[in-house]
Protein backbone atom coordinates (compact mmCIF):
# COMPACT_ATOMS: atom_id res chain seq x y z
CA MET A 1 47.77 -27.60 -73.35
CA GLU A 2 50.19 -30.49 -72.77
CA VAL A 3 52.27 -31.43 -75.82
CA PHE A 4 52.37 -35.24 -75.32
CA PRO A 5 49.18 -36.00 -73.35
CA TYR A 6 49.04 -39.70 -74.27
CA PHE A 7 52.36 -40.63 -72.70
CA GLY A 8 52.81 -40.97 -68.95
CA GLY A 9 55.37 -42.19 -66.45
CA ILE A 10 58.87 -42.78 -67.77
CA LEU A 11 57.64 -42.64 -71.39
CA HIS A 12 56.90 -38.91 -71.18
CA PRO A 13 60.49 -37.71 -70.62
CA VAL A 14 61.78 -40.27 -73.15
CA ILE A 15 59.37 -39.12 -75.87
CA SER A 16 59.97 -35.45 -75.03
CA PHE A 17 63.74 -35.94 -75.21
CA ILE A 18 63.61 -37.86 -78.51
CA VAL A 19 61.37 -35.28 -80.17
CA SER A 20 63.47 -32.36 -78.89
CA LEU A 21 66.77 -33.97 -79.90
CA SER A 22 65.46 -35.03 -83.32
CA ILE A 23 64.29 -31.52 -84.16
CA ILE A 24 67.53 -29.87 -83.04
CA VAL A 25 69.74 -32.47 -84.76
CA PHE A 26 67.73 -32.11 -87.96
CA VAL A 27 68.25 -28.33 -87.91
CA HIS A 28 71.98 -28.78 -87.22
CA GLU A 29 72.57 -31.40 -89.91
CA TYR A 30 70.37 -29.57 -92.42
CA GLY A 31 72.65 -26.56 -91.96
CA HIS A 32 75.62 -28.72 -92.98
CA TYR A 33 73.68 -30.24 -95.88
CA ILE A 34 72.18 -27.12 -97.44
CA VAL A 35 75.32 -24.98 -97.20
CA GLY A 36 77.34 -27.89 -98.60
CA LYS A 37 74.89 -28.05 -101.49
CA TRP A 38 75.15 -24.29 -102.05
CA THR A 39 78.95 -24.50 -102.11
CA GLY A 40 79.03 -27.44 -104.56
CA ILE A 41 79.56 -30.34 -102.10
CA LYS A 42 77.29 -33.34 -102.61
CA ALA A 43 75.77 -35.38 -99.77
CA ASP A 44 75.40 -39.15 -100.07
CA VAL A 45 73.30 -39.64 -96.91
CA PHE A 46 71.19 -37.45 -94.62
CA SER A 47 70.20 -39.46 -91.56
CA VAL A 48 67.97 -38.64 -88.61
CA GLY A 49 68.95 -41.21 -86.00
CA MET A 50 71.71 -43.80 -85.99
CA GLY A 51 71.97 -47.53 -86.62
CA PRO A 52 69.70 -49.71 -88.78
CA VAL A 53 67.65 -47.81 -91.36
CA ILE A 54 63.87 -47.87 -90.87
CA LEU A 55 62.78 -45.68 -93.77
CA SER A 56 64.69 -44.12 -96.67
CA ARG A 57 64.33 -42.54 -100.08
CA VAL A 58 66.72 -41.15 -102.68
CA ASP A 59 66.10 -37.65 -104.04
CA LYS A 60 66.83 -36.38 -107.54
CA ASN A 61 70.31 -35.26 -106.47
CA GLY A 62 71.26 -38.77 -105.38
CA THR A 63 71.10 -38.07 -101.64
CA THR A 64 69.60 -40.81 -99.47
CA TRP A 65 67.28 -39.34 -96.82
CA GLN A 66 66.75 -41.84 -94.01
CA ILE A 67 65.30 -42.38 -90.54
CA ALA A 68 67.33 -44.80 -88.43
CA ALA A 69 66.30 -47.00 -85.51
CA ILE A 70 68.30 -45.33 -82.74
CA PRO A 71 66.72 -41.87 -82.25
CA PHE A 72 69.78 -40.19 -80.73
CA GLY A 73 71.70 -37.93 -83.06
CA GLY A 74 72.03 -37.96 -86.81
CA PHE A 75 74.52 -37.15 -89.53
CA VAL A 76 75.23 -36.02 -93.07
CA LYS A 77 77.70 -38.20 -94.97
CA PHE A 78 79.18 -36.13 -97.74
CA LYS A 79 80.54 -37.54 -100.97
CA GLY A 80 84.11 -38.73 -100.50
CA ASP A 81 83.84 -39.23 -96.71
CA ALA A 82 85.30 -42.47 -95.38
CA ASN A 83 82.94 -42.30 -92.37
CA ILE A 84 80.11 -40.25 -90.94
CA SER A 85 82.47 -38.06 -88.88
CA SER A 86 83.92 -36.51 -92.08
CA SER A 87 87.36 -36.91 -90.51
CA HIS A 88 88.89 -38.96 -93.34
CA ALA A 89 88.59 -39.06 -97.10
CA ASP A 90 87.67 -42.32 -98.78
CA PHE A 91 90.84 -43.62 -100.44
CA ARG A 92 88.81 -44.15 -103.63
CA SER A 93 88.22 -40.39 -103.92
CA LYS A 94 91.86 -40.00 -104.98
CA SER A 95 91.01 -41.65 -108.28
CA LEU A 96 88.25 -39.14 -109.08
CA ASN A 97 88.78 -36.56 -111.80
CA GLU A 98 89.10 -32.89 -110.88
CA ASN A 99 85.43 -32.03 -111.39
CA ASP A 100 84.15 -34.96 -109.32
CA LEU A 101 86.76 -34.34 -106.62
CA ARG A 102 85.42 -30.78 -106.27
CA THR A 103 82.03 -32.20 -105.23
CA THR A 104 83.53 -34.08 -102.25
CA LEU A 105 84.02 -32.50 -98.83
CA HIS A 106 87.76 -33.21 -98.74
CA GLY A 107 88.31 -32.10 -102.33
CA ALA A 108 86.39 -28.81 -102.01
CA PRO A 109 88.16 -25.45 -101.50
CA LEU A 110 88.95 -24.45 -97.94
CA TRP A 111 86.28 -21.73 -97.90
CA ALA A 112 83.56 -24.22 -98.94
CA ARG A 113 84.58 -26.75 -96.29
CA THR A 114 84.72 -24.05 -93.61
CA ALA A 115 81.28 -22.69 -94.51
CA THR A 116 79.76 -26.19 -94.61
CA VAL A 117 81.13 -27.23 -91.22
CA ALA A 118 80.33 -23.91 -89.53
CA ALA A 119 76.77 -23.98 -90.89
CA GLY A 120 75.59 -26.62 -88.38
CA PRO A 121 76.11 -24.53 -85.23
CA ILE A 122 75.09 -21.36 -87.06
CA PHE A 123 71.77 -22.92 -88.05
CA ASN A 124 71.25 -23.90 -84.40
CA PHE A 125 71.75 -20.25 -83.40
CA VAL A 126 69.47 -19.00 -86.18
CA PHE A 127 66.82 -21.56 -85.16
CA SER A 128 67.03 -20.29 -81.57
CA ILE A 129 66.72 -16.66 -82.70
CA ALA A 130 63.75 -17.54 -84.94
CA ILE A 131 61.90 -19.26 -82.08
CA PHE A 132 62.48 -16.38 -79.68
CA PHE A 133 61.38 -13.94 -82.39
CA MET A 134 58.17 -15.91 -82.92
CA LEU A 135 57.51 -16.01 -79.18
CA PHE A 136 58.15 -12.29 -78.69
CA VAL A 137 55.86 -11.41 -81.60
CA SER A 138 53.08 -13.82 -80.56
CA VAL A 139 53.17 -13.14 -76.81
CA GLY A 140 53.77 -9.41 -77.22
CA GLN A 141 54.23 -6.79 -74.51
CA VAL A 142 51.88 -5.46 -71.84
CA ARG A 143 49.44 -2.94 -73.27
CA GLU A 144 49.07 0.46 -71.61
CA PRO A 145 46.90 1.48 -69.87
CA LEU A 146 47.15 -1.80 -67.92
CA THR A 147 44.06 -3.82 -68.79
CA VAL A 148 42.83 -7.01 -67.13
CA SER A 149 42.59 -9.91 -69.61
CA LYS A 150 41.96 -12.81 -67.20
CA ILE A 151 40.82 -13.16 -63.59
CA ASN A 152 42.78 -15.78 -61.65
CA PRO A 153 41.27 -17.70 -58.68
CA LEU A 154 42.61 -16.18 -55.42
CA PRO A 155 41.83 -16.39 -51.68
CA PHE A 156 40.96 -12.68 -51.60
CA VAL A 157 38.01 -10.47 -52.38
CA ASN A 158 38.19 -9.65 -56.10
CA GLN A 159 35.65 -7.36 -57.78
CA LEU A 160 37.78 -6.82 -60.89
CA GLU A 161 36.42 -7.92 -64.27
CA LYS A 162 37.96 -8.76 -67.61
CA GLY A 163 38.51 -5.56 -69.62
CA ASP A 164 38.97 -3.26 -66.60
CA GLU A 165 41.64 -0.59 -67.11
CA ILE A 166 43.70 0.02 -63.95
CA ILE A 167 43.97 3.74 -63.03
CA SER A 168 45.25 3.49 -59.45
CA ILE A 169 45.86 0.95 -56.66
CA SER A 170 45.51 2.08 -53.03
CA GLY A 171 45.77 5.67 -54.23
CA TYR A 172 48.95 5.13 -56.32
CA LYS A 173 48.47 6.22 -59.93
CA ILE A 174 49.34 3.49 -62.44
CA GLY A 175 50.57 5.16 -65.59
CA SER A 176 52.67 2.25 -66.89
CA ALA A 177 54.01 -1.18 -65.97
CA SER A 178 57.13 0.41 -64.49
CA SER A 179 55.05 2.54 -62.14
CA VAL A 180 53.72 -0.67 -60.53
CA SER A 181 57.29 -1.67 -59.62
CA ASP A 182 57.85 1.76 -58.08
CA MET A 183 54.63 1.43 -56.09
CA LEU A 184 55.78 -1.87 -54.54
CA GLU A 185 58.63 -0.14 -52.72
CA ASN A 186 56.20 2.07 -50.78
CA ILE A 187 52.91 0.28 -50.38
CA GLU A 188 52.00 -1.77 -47.27
CA TYR A 189 48.85 -3.85 -46.84
CA ASN A 190 47.05 -3.72 -43.50
CA ASP A 191 44.23 -5.87 -44.81
CA PRO A 192 44.77 -7.83 -48.06
CA ASN A 193 40.99 -8.04 -48.50
CA SER A 194 40.46 -4.28 -48.69
CA ILE A 195 42.79 -3.15 -51.51
CA GLN A 196 41.06 -0.36 -53.43
CA TYR A 197 41.37 -0.22 -57.21
CA GLU A 198 40.35 2.74 -59.32
CA ILE A 199 39.33 1.38 -62.71
CA ARG A 200 37.76 2.39 -66.01
CA ARG A 201 34.99 0.01 -67.07
CA ASP A 202 32.90 0.64 -70.18
CA GLY A 203 34.07 4.24 -70.17
CA GLU A 204 33.01 4.87 -66.56
CA ILE A 205 35.23 5.27 -63.47
CA TYR A 206 34.64 2.86 -60.58
CA PHE A 207 36.24 2.02 -57.24
CA VAL A 208 36.34 -1.70 -56.49
CA VAL A 209 38.12 -4.08 -54.10
CA GLY A 210 40.81 -6.27 -55.63
CA PRO A 211 43.67 -8.60 -54.66
CA PRO A 212 47.09 -7.41 -53.40
CA ILE A 213 49.91 -6.80 -55.87
CA ASP A 214 53.10 -8.94 -55.78
CA LEU A 215 51.42 -11.89 -54.09
CA PRO A 216 53.48 -14.99 -53.20
CA ARG A 217 51.61 -16.79 -56.00
CA VAL A 218 53.11 -19.48 -58.22
CA SER A 219 53.01 -18.27 -61.81
CA SER A 220 55.13 -21.16 -63.13
CA LEU A 221 57.68 -23.70 -61.92
CA VAL A 222 61.33 -24.22 -62.84
CA PRO A 223 62.00 -27.79 -64.10
CA LEU A 224 63.71 -30.15 -61.63
CA SER A 225 63.29 -27.60 -58.84
CA ALA A 226 62.39 -28.09 -55.18
CA ALA A 227 58.89 -26.76 -55.92
CA VAL A 228 58.32 -29.51 -58.50
CA GLU A 229 59.54 -32.14 -56.02
CA ALA A 230 57.15 -30.69 -53.43
CA ASN A 231 54.25 -31.06 -55.93
CA LEU A 232 53.41 -27.36 -56.04
CA ASN A 233 51.30 -26.19 -58.98
CA ALA A 234 50.93 -23.01 -61.00
CA GLY A 235 48.20 -20.94 -59.32
CA ASP A 236 49.10 -21.96 -55.75
CA VAL A 237 49.21 -19.10 -53.26
CA ILE A 238 51.61 -19.34 -50.30
CA LEU A 239 49.90 -18.02 -47.16
CA GLU A 240 52.49 -18.83 -44.47
CA ILE A 241 56.18 -19.73 -44.14
CA ASN A 242 57.09 -21.72 -41.02
CA GLY A 243 53.87 -20.53 -39.40
CA GLU A 244 54.42 -16.81 -40.22
CA PRO A 245 51.86 -15.13 -42.54
CA ILE A 246 53.27 -13.52 -45.70
CA SER A 247 51.65 -11.20 -48.24
CA LYS A 248 54.50 -10.40 -50.68
CA PHE A 249 56.61 -12.52 -52.96
CA ASN A 250 59.78 -10.89 -51.68
CA GLN A 251 59.07 -12.27 -48.20
CA LEU A 252 59.17 -15.76 -49.70
CA LYS A 253 62.51 -15.05 -51.42
CA GLU A 254 64.04 -13.72 -48.19
CA ALA A 255 62.88 -16.77 -46.19
CA VAL A 256 64.33 -19.15 -48.78
CA GLU A 257 67.69 -17.34 -48.80
CA LYS A 258 67.89 -17.37 -45.00
CA SER A 259 67.13 -21.09 -44.87
CA SER A 260 70.59 -22.03 -46.26
CA GLY A 261 69.06 -25.23 -47.56
CA SER A 262 67.07 -26.19 -44.47
CA SER A 263 63.50 -27.44 -44.94
CA ILE A 264 60.72 -24.85 -44.93
CA GLY A 265 57.12 -25.39 -43.89
CA LEU A 266 54.55 -23.82 -46.24
CA LYS A 267 50.83 -23.21 -45.91
CA ILE A 268 49.31 -23.34 -49.40
CA TRP A 269 45.99 -22.22 -50.86
CA ARG A 270 44.91 -24.16 -53.94
CA ASP A 271 41.46 -24.01 -55.52
CA ALA A 272 39.74 -23.00 -52.26
CA THR A 273 41.60 -25.74 -50.33
CA ILE A 274 44.32 -25.05 -47.75
CA PHE A 275 47.04 -27.57 -46.92
CA GLN A 276 50.54 -27.80 -45.42
CA THR A 277 53.70 -29.00 -47.18
CA THR A 278 57.47 -28.97 -46.71
CA ILE A 279 60.02 -27.82 -49.24
CA ILE A 280 63.83 -28.08 -49.23
CA PRO A 281 65.62 -25.28 -51.16
CA LYS A 282 68.36 -26.21 -53.63
CA ARG A 283 71.73 -24.54 -54.04
CA GLU A 284 72.32 -22.58 -57.23
CA ASP A 285 75.46 -20.77 -58.41
CA ILE A 286 74.43 -17.51 -60.10
CA PRO A 287 76.81 -15.80 -62.56
CA GLN A 288 77.56 -12.15 -61.79
CA PRO A 289 77.87 -9.35 -64.40
CA GLU A 290 81.36 -8.47 -63.19
CA GLY A 291 82.43 -12.13 -63.36
CA GLY A 292 82.41 -15.00 -60.93
CA PHE A 293 79.47 -16.64 -59.17
CA ILE A 294 77.47 -16.17 -56.00
CA THR A 295 75.67 -18.99 -54.18
CA LYS A 296 71.92 -18.64 -53.76
CA TRP A 297 69.19 -20.91 -52.45
CA ARG A 298 66.20 -21.46 -54.72
CA ILE A 299 62.92 -23.37 -54.64
CA GLY A 300 62.08 -22.84 -58.33
CA ILE A 301 58.93 -20.72 -58.08
CA VAL A 302 58.40 -18.04 -60.71
CA GLY A 303 56.11 -15.29 -59.47
CA SER A 304 54.30 -12.38 -61.08
CA ILE A 305 53.74 -8.87 -59.83
CA TYR A 306 50.17 -8.95 -61.06
CA PRO A 307 47.50 -11.20 -59.46
CA PHE A 308 45.65 -11.20 -62.81
CA ASP A 309 46.67 -11.56 -66.45
CA LEU A 310 47.12 -8.38 -68.47
CA LEU A 311 46.18 -7.62 -72.05
CA THR A 312 49.16 -7.57 -74.43
CA GLU A 313 49.90 -5.97 -77.80
CA PRO A 314 52.40 -6.85 -80.56
CA ILE A 315 56.07 -5.93 -80.11
CA PRO A 316 57.56 -3.87 -82.99
CA LEU A 317 59.39 -6.23 -85.35
CA LEU A 318 62.82 -4.60 -85.05
CA GLN A 319 62.58 -4.68 -81.26
CA ALA A 320 61.59 -8.36 -81.41
CA VAL A 321 64.63 -9.11 -83.60
CA ARG A 322 66.97 -7.33 -81.15
CA LEU A 323 65.45 -9.13 -78.16
CA SER A 324 65.71 -12.51 -79.92
CA ILE A 325 69.38 -12.03 -80.78
CA PHE A 326 70.14 -10.84 -77.25
CA GLN A 327 68.30 -13.83 -75.73
CA THR A 328 70.32 -16.29 -77.84
CA TYR A 329 73.55 -14.43 -77.07
CA SER A 330 72.75 -14.63 -73.35
CA ILE A 331 72.38 -18.43 -73.54
CA ILE A 332 75.74 -18.77 -75.32
CA SER A 333 77.43 -16.34 -72.93
CA SER A 334 76.06 -18.16 -69.88
CA SER A 335 77.17 -21.51 -71.32
CA ILE A 336 80.72 -20.24 -71.84
CA ASN A 337 80.86 -18.66 -68.40
CA GLY A 338 79.40 -21.71 -66.67
CA LEU A 339 81.66 -24.20 -68.45
CA TYR A 340 84.74 -22.14 -67.61
CA HIS A 341 83.89 -21.99 -63.90
CA ILE A 342 83.04 -25.72 -63.75
CA ILE A 343 86.41 -26.61 -65.31
CA ALA A 344 88.17 -24.13 -63.01
CA GLY A 345 86.46 -25.73 -60.00
CA ASN A 346 84.78 -22.50 -58.94
CA ILE A 347 81.29 -24.01 -58.98
CA SER A 348 79.85 -27.47 -58.52
CA THR A 349 79.53 -29.87 -61.46
CA CYS A 350 75.89 -30.22 -60.39
CA ASN A 351 75.31 -27.09 -62.50
CA LEU A 352 75.99 -29.29 -65.55
CA SER A 353 72.93 -30.98 -67.07
CA GLY A 354 73.30 -34.39 -68.71
CA PRO A 355 70.85 -36.32 -70.92
CA VAL A 356 68.73 -37.50 -67.97
CA GLU A 357 68.16 -33.97 -66.68
CA ILE A 358 67.62 -32.68 -70.22
CA ALA A 359 64.94 -35.34 -70.75
CA GLU A 360 63.23 -34.36 -67.49
CA ILE A 361 63.38 -30.66 -68.42
CA SER A 362 61.89 -31.43 -71.85
CA SER A 363 59.12 -33.45 -70.20
CA HIS A 364 58.33 -30.71 -67.67
CA MET A 365 58.14 -28.00 -70.33
CA ALA A 366 56.04 -30.21 -72.63
CA LYS A 367 53.54 -30.62 -69.80
CA GLU A 368 53.47 -26.83 -69.38
CA GLY A 369 52.26 -26.45 -72.98
CA ILE A 370 53.41 -25.89 -76.53
CA GLN A 371 54.82 -22.40 -75.86
CA SER A 372 57.05 -23.65 -73.03
CA PHE A 373 58.18 -26.66 -75.08
CA ILE A 374 59.12 -24.49 -78.07
CA GLN A 375 60.99 -22.11 -75.77
CA THR A 376 62.96 -25.10 -74.46
CA LEU A 377 63.87 -26.04 -78.05
CA ALA A 378 65.36 -22.56 -78.49
CA LEU A 379 67.39 -22.95 -75.30
CA PHE A 380 68.70 -26.41 -76.22
CA SER A 381 69.40 -25.42 -79.82
CA ALA A 382 71.62 -22.51 -78.78
CA ALA A 383 73.39 -24.66 -76.17
CA ILE A 384 74.04 -27.50 -78.65
CA GLY A 385 75.29 -25.02 -81.24
CA PHE A 386 77.77 -23.73 -78.68
CA MET A 387 78.86 -27.22 -77.62
CA ASN A 388 79.55 -28.17 -81.23
CA LEU A 389 81.85 -25.17 -81.62
CA LEU A 390 84.15 -26.34 -78.84
CA PRO A 391 87.65 -26.95 -80.31
CA ILE A 392 87.49 -30.72 -79.78
CA PRO A 393 88.34 -33.08 -82.66
CA VAL A 394 85.23 -34.90 -84.05
CA LEU A 395 83.13 -31.83 -83.18
CA ASP A 396 82.57 -29.01 -85.67
CA GLY A 397 84.84 -26.74 -83.66
CA GLY A 398 87.67 -29.26 -84.02
CA HIS A 399 87.25 -29.37 -87.80
CA LEU A 400 87.32 -25.57 -87.90
CA VAL A 401 90.59 -25.56 -85.94
CA PHE A 402 92.10 -27.93 -88.52
CA TYR A 403 90.88 -25.67 -91.31
CA ALA A 404 92.43 -22.66 -89.55
CA TYR A 405 95.73 -24.59 -89.38
CA GLU A 406 95.45 -25.29 -93.11
CA ALA A 407 94.74 -21.63 -93.85
CA ILE A 408 97.79 -20.49 -91.86
CA PHE A 409 100.33 -23.13 -92.95
CA LYS A 410 98.93 -23.68 -96.46
CA LYS A 411 98.65 -27.44 -95.92
CA PRO A 412 96.32 -29.79 -94.01
CA PRO A 413 97.43 -31.39 -90.72
CA ASN A 414 99.48 -34.58 -90.90
CA GLN A 415 97.12 -37.52 -91.48
CA LYS A 416 98.60 -39.65 -88.68
CA ALA A 417 98.42 -36.76 -86.22
CA LEU A 418 94.86 -36.10 -87.37
CA SER A 419 93.89 -39.71 -86.68
CA VAL A 420 95.35 -39.54 -83.17
CA LEU A 421 93.59 -36.26 -82.45
CA MET A 422 90.26 -37.62 -83.74
CA THR A 423 90.55 -40.70 -81.52
CA THR A 424 91.45 -38.51 -78.55
CA GLY A 425 88.53 -36.18 -79.27
CA LEU A 426 86.08 -39.06 -79.56
CA THR A 427 87.35 -40.50 -76.26
CA LEU A 428 86.96 -37.09 -74.61
CA VAL A 429 83.39 -36.69 -75.90
CA LEU A 430 82.42 -40.19 -74.73
CA PHE A 431 83.98 -39.53 -71.32
CA PHE A 432 82.11 -36.25 -71.05
CA MET A 433 78.82 -37.99 -71.90
CA MET A 434 79.39 -40.70 -69.30
CA PHE A 435 80.36 -38.09 -66.71
CA ALA A 436 77.20 -36.07 -67.49
CA ILE A 437 75.01 -39.16 -67.02
CA PHE A 438 76.76 -40.00 -63.74
CA ASN A 439 76.43 -36.37 -62.68
CA ASP A 440 72.65 -36.45 -63.28
CA TYR A 441 72.25 -39.30 -60.81
CA TYR A 442 74.88 -38.13 -58.33
CA CYS A 443 73.43 -34.64 -57.98
């Protein structure tokens, strides 16, 4: 079900972006706030949004919680900060007594400041892990024996029913999900309307006719992809490519790769209707395990081996935790790798997403449903956590570099040098934002 069904046109990506950003910023700033509180640092203001205050209240600890008019970003202003960037101490804090000075960010011990600043990105990572954990536990893993949970509309004879347990397909025994992958390497279909399934239904064995495995069927679409631009939908089945019939998803992948970006004619089946359309593949630079990138052509169609939905069962909790941590680590690792190769000039800057593309991605995933939207929050949260750890003054990573300097040399950086570095860092961040916006339109 769509997340924001009452907003259409340009409002949908705007609302999706604001909601996504507000949630992720709240998590990030709450990390700063709560760890600061735990370490004895008081917060004067916790703001979601910037600019004029719309709504506010003061809690029992004296912290003002507010929602501001400009819904982009947010901040925690700690006691003793001269500004919301926490880069300077208020000159009045020098007159505080020792106990009061300890409750300010700049007067707290180095360990407390470090923990408070690092908590923002860490909370982003934990939030990402928590979402992936929830998704893994709720979605689960395919139950064995493979059991049909939903029959999808297809342009083929299909005598399967919900609850059927798959024993064999075209004579190949199906003992597990992995055995289906092995079967694909050997099986060939002479007639896609005469695929024989051996099934168990209500305790009895039957032989029925079902749809081919590994169909060129659209399971889902990648945001901002060529398939989205061509108005393809989940559930579409591709019957022909440039006039040639296809029966396997791999044939579609091969045709797209060979196109080198040239337009491709597709014959599509959708809800018992057949029509023609044209799609233009997009270039994508794919990171390789051994390092570096390889150029591929993609149309943004996600397929599925199975032409029907399968029954799932819960994933063991420890396995779900491991998978969640690995998924978040993969996002961070890919971000580091991608940023390095963009800066080095090895890949196009078109691989960099700015706020416009992020808004469109948020909108696309919100239209896909709540699960897809939440998954996008996990992706963005991990990416924003990583970006905030970059060693750029005004970002959390820059503050941590200054704290590392203080730990090594037993004194904080020179205040004048700090001011210059902060101004340089702010200029760099603003330039990066403008470049990202330009890049969204240019690419």
